[in-house]
Protein backbone atom coordinates (compact mmCIF):
# COMPACT_ATOMS: atom_id res chain seq x y z
CA MET A 1 14.49 -14.12 -1.05
CA LYS A 2 14.24 -13.55 -4.71
CA LEU A 3 10.87 -11.71 -4.39
CA ILE A 4 12.43 -9.36 -1.61
CA ARG A 5 15.25 -8.83 -4.07
CA SER A 6 13.10 -8.43 -7.39
CA ILE A 7 10.86 -5.65 -5.29
CA GLU A 8 13.85 -3.83 -4.12
CA ALA A 9 15.68 -3.85 -7.44
CA LEU A 10 12.39 -2.17 -8.87
CA THR A 11 12.15 0.58 -5.96
CA ARG A 12 15.93 1.17 -6.66
CA PHE A 13 15.16 1.76 -9.97
CA ALA A 14 12.23 4.09 -9.30
CA GLY A 15 14.55 5.95 -7.14
CA TRP A 16 17.20 6.58 -9.60
CA LEU A 17 14.41 7.53 -11.96
CA GLY A 18 13.22 10.18 -9.55
CA ALA A 19 16.92 11.43 -9.12
CA LEU A 20 17.17 11.86 -12.72
CA LEU A 21 14.13 14.10 -12.66
CA VAL A 22 16.23 16.82 -10.76
CA LEU A 23 17.70 17.47 -14.37
CA PRO A 24 14.48 18.74 -16.07
CA LEU A 25 13.41 20.48 -12.75
CA ILE A 26 16.79 22.41 -12.79
CA GLY A 27 16.56 23.08 -16.66
CA ALA A 28 13.08 24.52 -16.09
CA LEU A 29 13.96 26.84 -13.38
CA ILE A 30 16.88 28.18 -15.34
CA ILE A 31 14.64 28.77 -18.28
CA GLU A 32 12.26 30.53 -15.97
CA VAL A 33 14.78 32.92 -14.30
CA LEU A 34 16.39 33.80 -17.52
CA SER A 35 12.97 34.42 -19.13
CA ARG A 36 11.77 36.32 -16.13
CA TYR A 37 14.60 38.51 -15.09
CA VAL A 38 16.82 38.65 -18.31
CA ALA A 39 14.18 38.88 -20.99
CA GLY A 40 11.42 40.29 -18.73
CA ARG A 41 8.90 37.53 -20.12
CA PRO A 42 8.08 34.84 -17.90
CA THR A 43 6.99 31.41 -18.90
CA LEU A 44 3.35 30.09 -18.74
CA TRP A 45 4.55 26.39 -18.11
CA ALA A 46 7.46 26.52 -15.63
CA PHE A 47 5.50 26.84 -12.11
CA GLU A 48 3.31 23.73 -13.58
CA VAL A 49 6.31 21.84 -14.64
CA SER A 50 8.39 22.47 -11.52
CA TYR A 51 5.76 21.27 -9.19
CA MET A 52 4.72 18.24 -11.14
CA VAL A 53 8.46 17.10 -11.55
CA MET A 54 8.95 17.86 -7.97
CA GLY A 55 6.16 15.70 -7.06
CA ALA A 56 7.27 13.01 -9.31
CA MET A 57 10.70 12.89 -7.77
CA PHE A 58 8.92 12.53 -4.40
CA MET A 59 6.72 9.91 -5.38
CA LEU A 60 9.17 8.06 -7.12
CA GLY A 61 11.67 8.18 -4.41
CA MET A 62 9.69 7.21 -1.16
CA ALA A 63 9.81 3.53 -1.74
CA ASN A 64 13.33 3.65 -2.22
CA ALA A 65 13.81 5.86 0.83
CA LEU A 66 12.19 3.05 2.83
CA ARG A 67 14.16 0.51 1.25
CA VAL A 68 17.29 2.20 2.65
CA GLY A 69 15.81 3.26 5.94
CA GLN A 70 15.58 6.99 5.32
CA HIS A 71 12.05 7.62 6.35
CA VAL A 72 11.74 9.57 9.66
CA SER A 73 11.68 7.25 12.76
CA VAL A 74 12.18 7.70 16.66
CA ASP A 75 15.17 5.74 17.68
CA ILE A 76 14.94 6.33 21.36
CA MET A 77 12.97 3.31 22.17
CA THR A 78 14.35 1.16 19.37
CA LEU A 79 17.92 1.49 19.89
CA GLN A 80 17.27 -0.27 23.58
CA LEU A 81 15.45 -3.20 21.99
CA SER A 82 16.75 -6.25 20.33
CA GLN A 83 16.58 -6.79 16.71
CA ARG A 84 13.97 -9.21 16.97
CA ALA A 85 11.81 -7.12 19.40
CA ASN A 86 12.14 -4.25 16.58
CA ALA A 87 11.28 -6.54 13.75
CA ALA A 88 7.93 -7.43 15.92
CA ILE A 89 7.22 -3.78 16.21
CA ARG A 90 7.92 -3.13 12.35
CA THR A 91 5.42 -6.13 11.52
CA ILE A 92 2.87 -4.78 13.60
CA GLY A 93 3.11 -1.54 11.81
CA TYR A 94 3.55 -3.03 8.42
CA VAL A 95 0.46 -5.21 8.92
CA LEU A 96 -1.49 -2.13 9.81
CA PHE A 97 -0.29 0.36 7.12
CA LEU A 98 -0.23 -2.11 4.05
CA PRO A 99 -4.05 -2.28 3.77
CA VAL A 100 -4.47 1.52 4.07
CA LEU A 101 -1.81 1.68 0.95
CA VAL A 102 -3.68 -0.85 -0.83
CA TRP A 103 -6.88 1.14 -0.59
CA LEU A 104 -5.01 4.29 -1.51
CA VAL A 105 -3.24 2.43 -4.50
CA TRP A 106 -6.86 1.31 -5.62
CA GLU A 107 -8.35 4.76 -5.34
CA LEU A 108 -5.51 6.66 -6.97
CA SER A 109 -5.72 4.09 -10.09
CA LYS A 110 -9.43 5.02 -10.40
CA TYR A 111 -8.27 8.92 -9.94
CA ALA A 112 -5.77 8.62 -12.89
CA LEU A 113 -7.95 6.77 -15.05
CA SER A 114 -10.74 9.42 -14.46
CA ALA A 115 -8.38 12.13 -15.34
CA PHE A 116 -7.13 10.59 -18.58
CA GLU A 117 -10.81 9.59 -19.62
CA THR A 118 -12.15 13.12 -19.08
CA ASN A 119 -9.11 14.96 -20.35
CA GLU A 120 -8.75 16.78 -16.75
CA ARG A 121 -6.68 19.98 -16.67
CA SER A 122 -4.73 21.54 -14.02
CA GLY A 123 -6.73 25.00 -13.99
CA ARG A 124 -3.63 26.67 -12.30
CA SER A 125 -2.07 28.52 -15.05
CA ALA A 126 -2.67 29.78 -18.63
CA TRP A 127 -0.68 26.57 -19.94
CA ASN A 128 -3.44 24.45 -18.29
CA PRO A 129 -1.93 21.02 -19.00
CA VAL A 130 -3.59 17.66 -18.50
CA VAL A 131 -3.05 16.06 -15.22
CA TRP A 132 -3.30 12.31 -15.73
CA PRO A 133 0.31 11.96 -16.09
CA ILE A 134 1.21 13.27 -12.66
CA PHE A 135 -1.90 11.22 -11.17
CA THR A 136 -0.52 8.11 -12.68
CA VAL A 137 3.12 9.04 -11.02
CA TRP A 138 1.05 9.28 -7.91
CA PHE A 139 -0.53 5.95 -8.36
CA VAL A 140 3.03 4.23 -9.31
CA GLY A 141 4.54 5.92 -6.45
CA PHE A 142 2.51 4.73 -3.87
CA ALA A 143 2.25 1.05 -5.63
CA LEU A 144 5.95 0.89 -5.29
CA LEU A 145 5.38 2.12 -1.68
CA ALA A 146 3.07 -0.78 -1.17
CA LEU A 147 5.38 -3.19 -2.67
CA GLN A 148 8.27 -1.97 -0.63
CA VAL A 149 6.21 -2.24 2.47
CA PHE A 150 5.31 -5.71 1.61
CA ALA A 151 9.04 -6.53 1.10
CA GLU A 152 9.91 -4.77 4.64
CA LEU A 153 7.08 -7.01 6.25
CA LEU A 154 8.41 -10.02 4.67
CA LYS A 155 12.11 -9.26 5.81
CA SER A 156 10.72 -8.54 9.50
CA ILE A 157 9.08 -11.70 9.40
CA CYS A 158 12.08 -13.61 8.33
CA LEU A 159 13.90 -12.16 11.04
CA LEU A 160 11.23 -13.07 13.72
CA THR A 161 11.11 -16.79 12.49
CA GLY A 162 15.16 -16.94 12.29
CA LYS A 163 15.18 -17.51 8.41
CA HIS A 164 17.09 -14.32 8.05
CA GLN A 165 20.08 -15.56 9.86
CA ALA A 166 19.84 -19.13 7.70
CA GLU A 167 20.19 -17.19 4.60
CA GLU A 168 23.12 -15.04 5.36
CA SER A 169 25.09 -18.06 6.61
CA ALA A 170 23.98 -19.82 3.37
CA GLU A 171 25.59 -16.76 1.16
């Protein structure tokens, strides 16, 4: 389905973007180590940058991890079941999980907007940066996860209804 492919392209891009964030993370940590141990003057910002960038990497990558099947799963039972039985189990799980994700995305949007409007600061270091950018990334990450769960739900339903085989033979 075109909708599934579009969602998966979006989550693939977000995963790629999250993977690129390893570069500024490494850069910040190298600067901190050199500043601390070579110059004897630790930075005020490296701790906050490192946890925010690491959090952004995780948030942007979690939907892509679901897309490629890298989330933790217990395969003892599912290896014994047919594809359709597994699709039925996944469908039930996604139907139960999706409303929780939608609620979480809604609440995170309010949290990010409030942080932006009040110019909320971290309060964790002398640098004390604004936190709305990281809260926005949390919102985006969970929104992408909700979209990917929806795509996985559609794939499971297609498998259950037999549309999956019809699409594969048409390609």
